[in-house]
PDB file of N, CA and C in Angstrom:
ATOM      1  N   MET A   1     -11.997  -4.160   1.956  1.00  0.00           N
ATOM      2  CA  MET A   1     -12.387  -3.781   0.613  1.00  0.00           C
ATOM      3  C   MET A   1     -13.213  -4.899  -0.012  1.00  0.00           C
ATOM      4  N   GLN A   2     -14.157  -4.524  -0.797  1.00  0.00           N
ATOM      5  CA  GLN A   2     -14.938  -5.495  -1.556  1.00  0.00           C
ATOM      6  C   GLN A   2     -14.096  -6.022  -2.716  1.00  0.00           C
ATOM      7  N   ARG A   3     -14.425  -7.203  -3.188  1.00  0.00           N
ATOM      8  CA  ARG A   3     -13.712  -7.820  -4.313  1.00  0.00           C
ATOM      9  C   ARG A   3     -13.685  -6.870  -5.522  1.00  0.00           C
ATOM     10  N   GLU A   4     -14.809  -6.218  -5.806  1.00  0.00           N
ATOM     11  CA  GLU A   4     -14.892  -5.312  -6.950  1.00  0.00           C
ATOM     12  C   GLU A   4     -13.943  -4.119  -6.776  1.00  0.00           C
ATOM     13  N   ASP A   5     -13.864  -3.602  -5.557  1.00  0.00           N
ATOM     14  CA  ASP A   5     -12.962  -2.480  -5.276  1.00  0.00           C
ATOM     15  C   ASP A   5     -11.506  -2.902  -5.459  1.00  0.00           C
ATOM     16  N   SER A   6     -11.173  -4.098  -4.971  1.00  0.00           N
ATOM     17  CA  SER A   6      -9.806  -4.610  -5.128  1.00  0.00           C
ATOM     18  C   SER A   6      -9.474  -4.806  -6.600  1.00  0.00           C
ATOM     19  N   ASN A   7     -10.420  -5.348  -7.365  1.00  0.00           N
ATOM     20  CA  ASN A   7     -10.200  -5.533  -8.802  1.00  0.00           C
ATOM     21  C   ASN A   7      -9.967  -4.193  -9.490  1.00  0.00           C
ATOM     22  N   ALA A   8     -10.791  -3.217  -9.154  1.00  0.00           N
ATOM     23  CA  ALA A   8     -10.676  -1.895  -9.781  1.00  0.00           C
ATOM     24  C   ALA A   8      -9.335  -1.256  -9.446  1.00  0.00           C
ATOM     25  N   TYR A   9      -8.907  -1.359  -8.194  1.00  0.00           N
ATOM     26  CA  TYR A   9      -7.629  -0.763  -7.820  1.00  0.00           C
ATOM     27  C   TYR A   9      -6.465  -1.505  -8.486  1.00  0.00           C
ATOM     28  N   PHE A  10      -6.522  -2.826  -8.497  1.00  0.00           N
ATOM     29  CA  PHE A  10      -5.451  -3.613  -9.123  1.00  0.00           C
ATOM     30  C   PHE A  10      -5.303  -3.221 -10.591  1.00  0.00           C
ATOM     31  N   ALA A  11      -6.411  -2.972 -11.263  1.00  0.00           N
ATOM     32  CA  ALA A  11      -6.393  -2.601 -12.684  1.00  0.00           C
ATOM     33  C   ALA A  11      -5.709  -1.254 -12.919  1.00  0.00           C
ATOM     34  N   THR A  12      -5.647  -0.385 -11.905  1.00  0.00           N
ATOM     35  CA  THR A  12      -4.992   0.924 -12.072  1.00  0.00           C
ATOM     36  C   THR A  12      -3.476   0.832 -11.945  1.00  0.00           C
ATOM     37  N   ARG A  13      -2.984  -0.272 -11.400  1.00  0.00           N
ATOM     38  CA  ARG A  13      -1.544  -0.429 -11.208  1.00  0.00           C
ATOM     39  C   ARG A  13      -0.875  -0.728 -12.545  1.00  0.00           C
ATOM     40  N   ASP A  14       0.350  -0.242 -12.701  1.00  0.00           N
ATOM     41  CA  ASP A  14       1.045  -0.512 -13.957  1.00  0.00           C
ATOM     42  C   ASP A  14       1.342  -2.015 -14.079  1.00  0.00           C
ATOM     43  N   ARG A  15       1.533  -2.445 -15.298  1.00  0.00           N
ATOM     44  CA  ARG A  15       1.700  -3.870 -15.616  1.00  0.00           C
ATOM     45  C   ARG A  15       2.842  -4.508 -14.826  1.00  0.00           C
ATOM     46  N   GLU A  16       3.960  -3.821 -14.705  1.00  0.00           N
ATOM     47  CA  GLU A  16       5.108  -4.378 -13.973  1.00  0.00           C
ATOM     48  C   GLU A  16       4.772  -4.576 -12.503  1.00  0.00           C
ATOM     49  N   SER A  17       4.006  -3.659 -11.917  1.00  0.00           N
ATOM     50  CA  SER A  17       3.591  -3.819 -10.519  1.00  0.00           C
ATOM     51  C   SER A  17       2.632  -4.993 -10.377  1.00  0.00           C
ATOM     52  N   GLN A  18       1.769  -5.182 -11.357  1.00  0.00           N
ATOM     53  CA  GLN A  18       0.874  -6.342 -11.329  1.00  0.00           C
ATOM     54  C   GLN A  18       1.679  -7.635 -11.389  1.00  0.00           C
ATOM     55  N   LEU A  19       2.701  -7.673 -12.250  1.00  0.00           N
ATOM     56  CA  LEU A  19       3.559  -8.860 -12.325  1.00  0.00           C
ATOM     57  C   LEU A  19       4.274  -9.092 -10.997  1.00  0.00           C
ATOM     58  N   SER A  20       4.733  -8.014 -10.381  1.00  0.00           N
ATOM     59  CA  SER A  20       5.434  -8.136  -9.095  1.00  0.00           C
ATOM     60  C   SER A  20       4.524  -8.712  -8.018  1.00  0.00           C
ATOM     61  N   THR A  21       3.238  -8.394  -8.110  1.00  0.00           N
ATOM     62  CA  THR A  21       2.282  -8.954  -7.152  1.00  0.00           C
ATOM     63  C   THR A  21       2.251 -10.478  -7.260  1.00  0.00           C
ATOM     64  N   TRP A  22       2.249 -10.983  -8.483  1.00  0.00           N
ATOM     65  CA  TRP A  22       2.258 -12.431  -8.693  1.00  0.00           C
ATOM     66  C   TRP A  22       3.607 -13.049  -8.312  1.00  0.00           C
ATOM     67  N   MET A  23       4.692 -12.324  -8.537  1.00  0.00           N
ATOM     68  CA  MET A  23       6.030 -12.839  -8.256  1.00  0.00           C
ATOM     69  C   MET A  23       6.300 -12.946  -6.758  1.00  0.00           C
ATOM     70  N   SER A  24       5.805 -12.004  -6.004  1.00  0.00           N
ATOM     71  CA  SER A  24       6.190 -11.896  -4.591  1.00  0.00           C
ATOM     72  C   SER A  24       5.652 -13.050  -3.742  1.00  0.00           C
ATOM     73  N   GLN A  25       6.515 -13.558  -2.941  1.00  0.00           N
ATOM     74  CA  GLN A  25       6.142 -14.498  -1.880  1.00  0.00           C
ATOM     75  C   GLN A  25       6.482 -13.763  -0.589  1.00  0.00           C
ATOM     76  N   GLN A  26       5.762 -12.706  -0.350  1.00  0.00           N
ATOM     77  CA  GLN A  26       6.089 -11.694   0.636  1.00  0.00           C
ATOM     78  C   GLN A  26       6.607 -12.251   1.958  1.00  0.00           C
ATOM     79  N   SER A  27       7.744 -11.708   2.340  1.00  0.00           N
ATOM     80  CA  SER A  27       8.424 -11.986   3.609  1.00  0.00           C
ATOM     81  C   SER A  27       9.073 -13.367   3.686  1.00  0.00           C
ATOM     82  N   ARG A  28       8.979 -14.152   2.637  1.00  0.00           N
ATOM     83  CA  ARG A  28       9.719 -15.418   2.623  1.00  0.00           C
ATOM     84  C   ARG A  28      11.158 -15.135   2.220  1.00  0.00           C
ATOM     85  N   GLU A  29      12.052 -16.009   2.619  1.00  0.00           N
ATOM     86  CA  GLU A  29      13.463 -15.824   2.277  1.00  0.00           C
ATOM     87  C   GLU A  29      13.661 -15.967   0.772  1.00  0.00           C
ATOM     88  N   LEU A  30      14.483 -15.090   0.230  1.00  0.00           N
ATOM     89  CA  LEU A  30      14.801 -15.070  -1.191  1.00  0.00           C
ATOM     90  C   LEU A  30      16.238 -15.547  -1.372  1.00  0.00           C
ATOM     91  N   THR A  31      16.437 -16.539  -2.219  1.00  0.00           N
ATOM     92  CA  THR A  31      17.776 -17.077  -2.457  1.00  0.00           C
ATOM     93  C   THR A  31      18.685 -16.042  -3.098  1.00  0.00           C
ATOM     94  N   SER A  32      18.166 -15.361  -4.135  1.00  0.00           N
ATOM     95  CA  SER A  32      18.951 -14.332  -4.813  1.00  0.00           C
ATOM     96  C   SER A  32      18.006 -13.373  -5.526  1.00  0.00           C
ATOM     97  N   PHE A  33      18.472 -12.161  -5.771  1.00  0.00           N
ATOM     98  CA  PHE A  33      17.666 -11.194  -6.510  1.00  0.00           C
ATOM     99  C   PHE A  33      17.504 -11.638  -7.959  1.00  0.00           C
ATOM    100  N   ASP A  34      18.475 -12.378  -8.470  1.00  0.00           N
ATOM    101  CA  ASP A  34      18.356 -12.929  -9.827  1.00  0.00           C
ATOM    102  C   ASP A  34      17.152 -13.869  -9.919  1.00  0.00           C
ATOM    103  N   GLN A  35      16.918 -14.653  -8.870  1.00  0.00           N
ATOM    104  CA  GLN A  35      15.779 -15.569  -8.834  1.00  0.00           C
ATOM    105  C   GLN A  35      14.477 -14.771  -8.978  1.00  0.00           C
ATOM    106  N   MET A  36      14.400 -13.657  -8.305  1.00  0.00           N
ATOM    107  CA  MET A  36      13.216 -12.808  -8.367  1.00  0.00           C
ATOM    108  C   MET A  36      13.008 -12.291  -9.794  1.00  0.00           C
ATOM    109  N   GLU A  37      14.072 -11.810 -10.413  1.00  0.00           N
ATOM    110  CA  GLU A  37      13.977 -11.276 -11.773  1.00  0.00           C
ATOM    111  C   GLU A  37      13.612 -12.359 -12.787  1.00  0.00           C
ATOM    112  N   LEU A  38      14.141 -13.573 -12.604  1.00  0.00           N
ATOM    113  CA  LEU A  38      13.796 -14.685 -13.491  1.00  0.00           C
ATOM    114  C   LEU A  38      12.313 -15.026 -13.388  1.00  0.00           C
ATOM    115  N   HIS A  39      11.800 -14.987 -12.180  1.00  0.00           N
ATOM    116  CA  HIS A  39      10.377 -15.262 -11.968  1.00  0.00           C
ATOM    117  C   HIS A  39       9.516 -14.202 -12.664  1.00  0.00           C
ATOM    118  N   VAL A  40       9.900 -12.939 -12.551  1.00  0.00           N
ATOM    119  CA  VAL A  40       9.160 -11.863 -13.224  1.00  0.00           C
ATOM    120  C   VAL A  40       9.215 -12.055 -14.738  1.00  0.00           C
ATOM    121  N   GLU A  41      10.374 -12.418 -15.252  1.00  0.00           N
ATOM    122  CA  GLU A  41      10.516 -12.624 -16.696  1.00  0.00           C
ATOM    123  C   GLU A  41       9.612 -13.759 -17.180  1.00  0.00           C
ATOM    124  N   LYS A  42       9.523 -14.832 -16.410  1.00  0.00           N
ATOM    125  CA  LYS A  42       8.629 -15.935 -16.766  1.00  0.00           C
ATOM    126  C   LYS A  42       7.180 -15.468 -16.775  1.00  0.00           C
ATOM    127  N   LEU A  43       6.791 -14.725 -15.760  1.00  0.00           N
ATOM    128  CA  LEU A  43       5.422 -14.199 -15.701  1.00  0.00           C
ATOM    129  C   LEU A  43       5.147 -13.253 -16.872  1.00  0.00           C
ATOM    130  N   ARG A  44       6.125 -12.435 -17.209  1.00  0.00           N
ATOM    131  CA  ARG A  44       5.992 -11.500 -18.330  1.00  0.00           C
ATOM    132  C   ARG A  44       5.658 -12.273 -19.612  1.00  0.00           C
ATOM    133  N   LYS A  45       6.355 -13.394 -19.818  1.00  0.00           N
ATOM    134  CA  LYS A  45       6.104 -14.225 -21.001  1.00  0.00           C
ATOM    135  C   LYS A  45       4.739 -14.904 -20.915  1.00  0.00           C
ATOM    136  N   ASP A  46       4.381 -15.380 -19.716  1.00  0.00           N
ATOM    137  CA  ASP A  46       3.092 -16.062 -19.535  1.00  0.00           C
ATOM    138  C   ASP A  46       1.912 -15.145 -19.843  1.00  0.00           C
ATOM    139  N   TYR A  47       2.057 -13.855 -19.597  1.00  0.00           N
ATOM    140  CA  TYR A  47       0.944 -12.912 -19.763  1.00  0.00           C
ATOM    141  C   TYR A  47       1.075 -12.017 -20.988  1.00  0.00           C
ATOM    142  N   VAL A  48       1.935 -12.373 -21.930  1.00  0.00           N
ATOM    143  CA  VAL A  48       2.056 -11.582 -23.162  1.00  0.00           C
ATOM    144  C   VAL A  48       0.692 -11.510 -23.835  1.00  0.00           C
ATOM    145  N   GLY A  49       0.255 -10.291 -24.143  1.00  0.00           N
ATOM    146  CA  GLY A  49      -1.005 -10.095 -24.847  1.00  0.00           C
ATOM    147  C   GLY A  49      -2.249 -10.396 -24.036  1.00  0.00           C
ATOM    148  N   ARG A  50      -2.087 -10.616 -22.740  1.00  0.00           N
ATOM    149  CA  ARG A  50      -3.240 -10.931 -21.881  1.00  0.00           C
ATOM    150  C   ARG A  50      -3.289  -9.974 -20.704  1.00  0.00           C
ATOM    151  N   GLU A  51      -4.482  -9.747 -20.230  1.00  0.00           N
ATOM    152  CA  GLU A  51      -4.664  -8.962 -19.014  1.00  0.00           C
ATOM    153  C   GLU A  51      -4.166  -9.780 -17.830  1.00  0.00           C
ATOM    154  N   ILE A  52      -3.556  -9.118 -16.877  1.00  0.00           N
ATOM    155  CA  ILE A  52      -3.063  -9.799 -15.680  1.00  0.00           C
ATOM    156  C   ILE A  52      -4.162  -9.718 -14.621  1.00  0.00           C
ATOM    157  N   PRO A  53      -4.684 -10.861 -14.193  1.00  0.00           N
ATOM    158  CA  PRO A  53      -5.766 -10.831 -13.204  1.00  0.00           C
ATOM    159  C   PRO A  53      -5.234 -10.549 -11.803  1.00  0.00           C
ATOM    160  N   ARG A  54      -6.108 -10.051 -10.968  1.00  0.00           N
ATOM    161  CA  ARG A  54      -5.745  -9.835  -9.569  1.00  0.00           C
ATOM    162  C   ARG A  54      -5.687 -11.197  -8.864  1.00  0.00           C
ATOM    163  N   PRO A  55      -4.581 -11.458  -8.141  1.00  0.00           N
ATOM    164  CA  PRO A  55      -4.528 -12.703  -7.366  1.00  0.00           C
ATOM    165  C   PRO A  55      -5.632 -12.708  -6.303  1.00  0.00           C
ATOM    166  N   SER A  56      -6.192 -13.854  -6.025  1.00  0.00           N
ATOM    167  CA  SER A  56      -7.288 -13.952  -5.057  1.00  0.00           C
ATOM    168  C   SER A  56      -6.865 -13.507  -3.655  1.00  0.00           C
ATOM    169  N   TYR A  57      -5.579 -13.637  -3.336  1.00  0.00           N
ATOM    170  CA  TYR A  57      -5.084 -13.287  -2.010  1.00  0.00           C
ATOM    171  C   TYR A  57      -4.748 -11.797  -1.876  1.00  0.00           C
ATOM    172  N   TRP A  58      -4.869 -11.045  -2.969  1.00  0.00           N
ATOM    173  CA  TRP A  58      -4.455  -9.645  -2.973  1.00  0.00           C
ATOM    174  C   TRP A  58      -5.673  -8.759  -2.759  1.00  0.00           C
ATOM    175  N   GLY A  59      -5.583  -7.858  -1.803  1.00  0.00           N
ATOM    176  CA  GLY A  59      -6.678  -6.938  -1.524  1.00  0.00           C
ATOM    177  C   GLY A  59      -6.199  -5.847  -0.595  1.00  0.00           C
ATOM    178  N   GLY A  60      -7.110  -5.241   0.053  1.00  0.00           N
ATOM    179  CA  GLY A  60      -6.717  -4.171   0.959  1.00  0.00           C
ATOM    180  C   GLY A  60      -7.870  -3.749   1.837  1.00  0.00           C
ATOM    181  N   TYR A  61      -7.640  -2.687   2.546  1.00  0.00           N
ATOM    182  CA  TYR A  61      -8.632  -2.114   3.439  1.00  0.00           C
ATOM    183  C   TYR A  61      -8.866  -0.674   3.030  1.00  0.00           C
ATOM    184  N   ALA A  62     -10.084  -0.245   3.064  1.00  0.00           N
ATOM    185  CA  ALA A  62     -10.413   1.154   2.814  1.00  0.00           C
ATOM    186  C   ALA A  62     -10.653   1.809   4.171  1.00  0.00           C
ATOM    187  N   LEU A  63      -9.780   2.731   4.533  1.00  0.00           N
ATOM    188  CA  LEU A  63      -9.884   3.416   5.818  1.00  0.00           C
ATOM    189  C   LEU A  63     -10.430   4.818   5.614  1.00  0.00           C
ATOM    190  N   THR A  64     -11.267   5.245   6.523  1.00  0.00           N
ATOM    191  CA  THR A  64     -11.783   6.603   6.515  1.00  0.00           C
ATOM    192  C   THR A  64     -11.486   7.205   7.889  1.00  0.00           C
ATOM    193  N   PRO A  65     -10.307   7.813   8.023  1.00  0.00           N
ATOM    194  CA  PRO A  65      -9.928   8.339   9.339  1.00  0.00           C
ATOM    195  C   PRO A  65     -10.769   9.550   9.720  1.00  0.00           C
ATOM    196  N   THR A  66     -10.978   9.684  11.013  1.00  0.00           N
ATOM    197  CA  THR A  66     -11.652  10.867  11.547  1.00  0.00           C
ATOM    198  C   THR A  66     -10.710  11.667  12.441  1.00  0.00           C
ATOM    199  N   ARG A  67      -9.594  11.046  12.815  1.00  0.00           N
ATOM    200  CA  ARG A  67      -8.612  11.726  13.660  1.00  0.00           C
ATOM    201  C   ARG A  67      -7.236  11.181  13.331  1.00  0.00           C
ATOM    202  N   ILE A  68      -6.267  12.089  13.137  1.00  0.00           N
ATOM    203  CA  ILE A  68      -4.882  11.702  12.878  1.00  0.00           C
ATOM    204  C   ILE A  68      -3.991  12.592  13.733  1.00  0.00           C
ATOM    205  N   GLU A  69      -2.958  12.005  14.311  1.00  0.00           N
ATOM    206  CA  GLU A  69      -2.016  12.792  15.098  1.00  0.00           C
ATOM    207  C   GLU A  69      -0.602  12.576  14.573  1.00  0.00           C
ATOM    208  N   PHE A  70       0.136  13.666  14.480  1.00  0.00           N
ATOM    209  CA  PHE A  70       1.546  13.622  14.096  1.00  0.00           C
ATOM    210  C   PHE A  70       2.361  14.110  15.276  1.00  0.00           C
ATOM    211  N   ARG A  71       3.525  13.521  15.449  1.00  0.00           N
ATOM    212  CA  ARG A  71       4.396  13.916  16.549  1.00  0.00           C
ATOM    213  C   ARG A  71       5.823  14.006  16.044  1.00  0.00           C
ATOM    214  N   LEU A  72       6.482  15.081  16.386  1.00  0.00           N
ATOM    215  CA  LEU A  72       7.892  15.259  16.074  1.00  0.00           C
ATOM    216  C   LEU A  72       8.645  15.187  17.398  1.00  0.00           C
ATOM    217  N   ALA A  73       9.408  14.120  17.573  1.00  0.00           N
ATOM    218  CA  ALA A  73      10.134  13.921  18.827  1.00  0.00           C
ATOM    219  C   ALA A  73      11.254  14.954  18.943  1.00  0.00           C
ATOM    220  N   ARG A  74      11.346  15.570  20.115  1.00  0.00           N
ATOM    221  CA  ARG A  74      12.381  16.560  20.373  1.00  0.00           C
ATOM    222  C   ARG A  74      13.006  16.269  21.725  1.00  0.00           C
ATOM    223  N   GLU A  75      14.129  16.898  21.983  1.00  0.00           N
ATOM    224  CA  GLU A  75      14.852  16.672  23.249  1.00  0.00           C
ATOM    225  C   GLU A  75      14.001  17.054  24.456  1.00  0.00           C
ATOM    226  N   HIS A  76      14.295  16.384  25.557  1.00  0.00           N
ATOM    227  CA  HIS A  76      13.709  16.688  26.861  1.00  0.00           C
ATOM    228  C   HIS A  76      12.180  16.588  26.854  1.00  0.00           C
ATOM    229  N   ARG A  77      11.652  15.726  26.002  1.00  0.00           N
ATOM    230  CA  ARG A  77      10.209  15.490  25.905  1.00  0.00           C
ATOM    231  C   ARG A  77       9.427  16.753  25.530  1.00  0.00           C
ATOM    232  N   ARG A  78      10.082  17.660  24.828  1.00  0.00           N
ATOM    233  CA  ARG A  78       9.391  18.867  24.350  1.00  0.00           C
ATOM    234  C   ARG A  78       8.921  18.630  22.914  1.00  0.00           C
ATOM    235  N   HIS A  79       8.202  17.534  22.764  1.00  0.00           N
ATOM    236  CA  HIS A  79       7.735  17.119  21.450  1.00  0.00           C
ATOM    237  C   HIS A  79       6.738  18.119  20.880  1.00  0.00           C
ATOM    238  N   TRP A  80       6.713  18.192  19.579  1.00  0.00           N
ATOM    239  CA  TRP A  80       5.689  18.964  18.886  1.00  0.00           C
ATOM    240  C   TRP A  80       4.631  17.972  18.435  1.00  0.00           C
ATOM    241  N   ARG A  81       3.375  18.276  18.720  1.00  0.00           N
ATOM    242  CA  ARG A  81       2.272  17.389  18.345  1.00  0.00           C
ATOM    243  C   ARG A  81       1.197  18.192  17.625  1.00  0.00           C
ATOM    244  N   TRP A  82       0.636  17.568  16.607  1.00  0.00           N
ATOM    245  CA  TRP A  82      -0.477  18.166  15.874  1.00  0.00           C
ATOM    246  C   TRP A  82      -1.577  17.125  15.771  1.00  0.00           C
ATOM    247  N   GLU A  83      -2.784  17.553  16.019  1.00  0.00           N
ATOM    248  CA  GLU A  83      -3.942  16.680  15.891  1.00  0.00           C
ATOM    249  C   GLU A  83      -4.829  17.233  14.776  1.00  0.00           C
ATOM    250  N   TYR A  84      -5.236  16.343  13.881  1.00  0.00           N
ATOM    251  CA  TYR A  84      -6.163  16.696  12.808  1.00  0.00           C
ATOM    252  C   TYR A  84      -7.439  15.889  13.027  1.00  0.00           C
ATOM    253  N   VAL A  85      -8.572  16.582  13.053  1.00  0.00           N
ATOM    254  CA  VAL A  85      -9.860  15.935  13.276  1.00  0.00           C
ATOM    255  C   VAL A  85     -10.791  16.314  12.132  1.00  0.00           C
ATOM    256  N   ARG A  86     -11.472  15.315  11.598  1.00  0.00           N
ATOM    257  CA  ARG A  86     -12.415  15.572  10.509  1.00  0.00           C
ATOM    258  C   ARG A  86     -13.833  15.590  11.063  1.00  0.00           C
ATOM    259  N   ASP A  87     -14.569  16.620  10.682  1.00  0.00           N
ATOM    260  CA  ASP A  87     -15.988  16.691  11.016  1.00  0.00           C
ATOM    261  C   ASP A  87     -16.762  17.017   9.744  1.00  0.00           C
ATOM    262  N   ALA A  88     -18.011  17.360   9.865  1.00  0.00           N
ATOM    263  CA  ALA A  88     -18.860  17.593   8.687  1.00  0.00           C
ATOM    264  C   ALA A  88     -18.338  18.703   7.783  1.00  0.00           C
ATOM    265  N   SER A  89     -17.607  19.661   8.345  1.00  0.00           N
ATOM    266  CA  SER A  89     -17.121  20.788   7.539  1.00  0.00           C
ATOM    267  C   SER A  89     -15.713  20.560   6.982  1.00  0.00           C
ATOM    268  N   GLY A  90     -15.085  19.444   7.319  1.00  0.00           N
ATOM    269  CA  GLY A  90     -13.748  19.158   6.814  1.00  0.00           C
ATOM    270  C   GLY A  90     -12.764  18.899   7.947  1.00  0.00           C
ATOM    271  N   TRP A  91     -11.487  19.104   7.647  1.00  0.00           N
ATOM    272  CA  TRP A  91     -10.426  18.855   8.629  1.00  0.00           C
ATOM    273  C   TRP A  91     -10.106  20.128   9.388  1.00  0.00           C
ATOM    274  N   ARG A  92      -9.901  19.984  10.692  1.00  0.00           N
ATOM    275  CA  ARG A  92      -9.387  21.094  11.504  1.00  0.00           C
ATOM    276  C   ARG A  92      -8.180  20.557  12.266  1.00  0.00           C
ATOM    277  N   ASN A  93      -7.273  21.450  12.611  1.00  0.00           N
ATOM    278  CA  ASN A  93      -6.088  20.979  13.330  1.00  0.00           C
ATOM    279  C   ASN A  93      -5.797  21.878  14.513  1.00  0.00           C
ATOM    280  N   ARG A  94      -5.054  21.313  15.417  1.00  0.00           N
ATOM    281  CA  ARG A  94      -4.624  22.074  16.602  1.00  0.00           C
ATOM    282  C   ARG A  94      -3.322  21.490  17.111  1.00  0.00           C
ATOM    283  N   LYS A  95      -2.569  22.325  17.803  1.00  0.00           N
ATOM    284  CA  LYS A  95      -1.329  21.883  18.444  1.00  0.00           C
ATOM    285  C   LYS A  95      -1.670  21.335  19.826  1.00  0.00           C
ATOM    286  N   LEU A  96      -0.906  20.334  20.253  1.00  0.00           N
ATOM    287  CA  LEU A  96      -1.143  19.712  21.558  1.00  0.00           C
ATOM    288  C   LEU A  96       0.116  19.754  22.402  1.00  0.00           C
ATOM    289  N   PHE A  97      -0.063  19.824  23.693  1.00  0.00           N
ATOM    290  CA  PHE A  97       1.072  19.655  24.594  1.00  0.00           C
ATOM    291  C   PHE A  97       1.578  18.224  24.488  1.00  0.00           C
ATOM    292  N   PRO A  98       2.879  18.006  24.786  1.00  0.00           N
ATOM    293  CA  PRO A  98       3.392  16.636  24.767  1.00  0.00           C
ATOM    294  C   PRO A  98       2.742  15.768  25.847  1.00  0.00           C
TER     295      PRO A  98
END
C-alpha cells in the first residue's frame, strides 16, 4: 500500500482502534492486561482534542485476487472444494474433485 492509502484507511478506523495501534507491541510478551489498559488510558489523555496520526510502521497490502479456493475437509478425503476465478466479466465458480 502507498503511504497515502495507509493514511486514508487508518483515518477510517474508530478512535479506540487507532489508540490500540499505538498501544500494541504486537506479539511481545504482556505482563498483565491491566498494563495494556493503562497504556491505552495514557494515550487517550495524550491525544485529547487531537487527531491520532498513523504510526510510521503501520500499513498494509492491497491484494487483488484472481483465484480463490475454499475447501471443506470431510472424512475419507471426500473433501468438498470450490474454486472462484475472476475474469473480465466477474467471478465464476466451479466445484472440484478432491
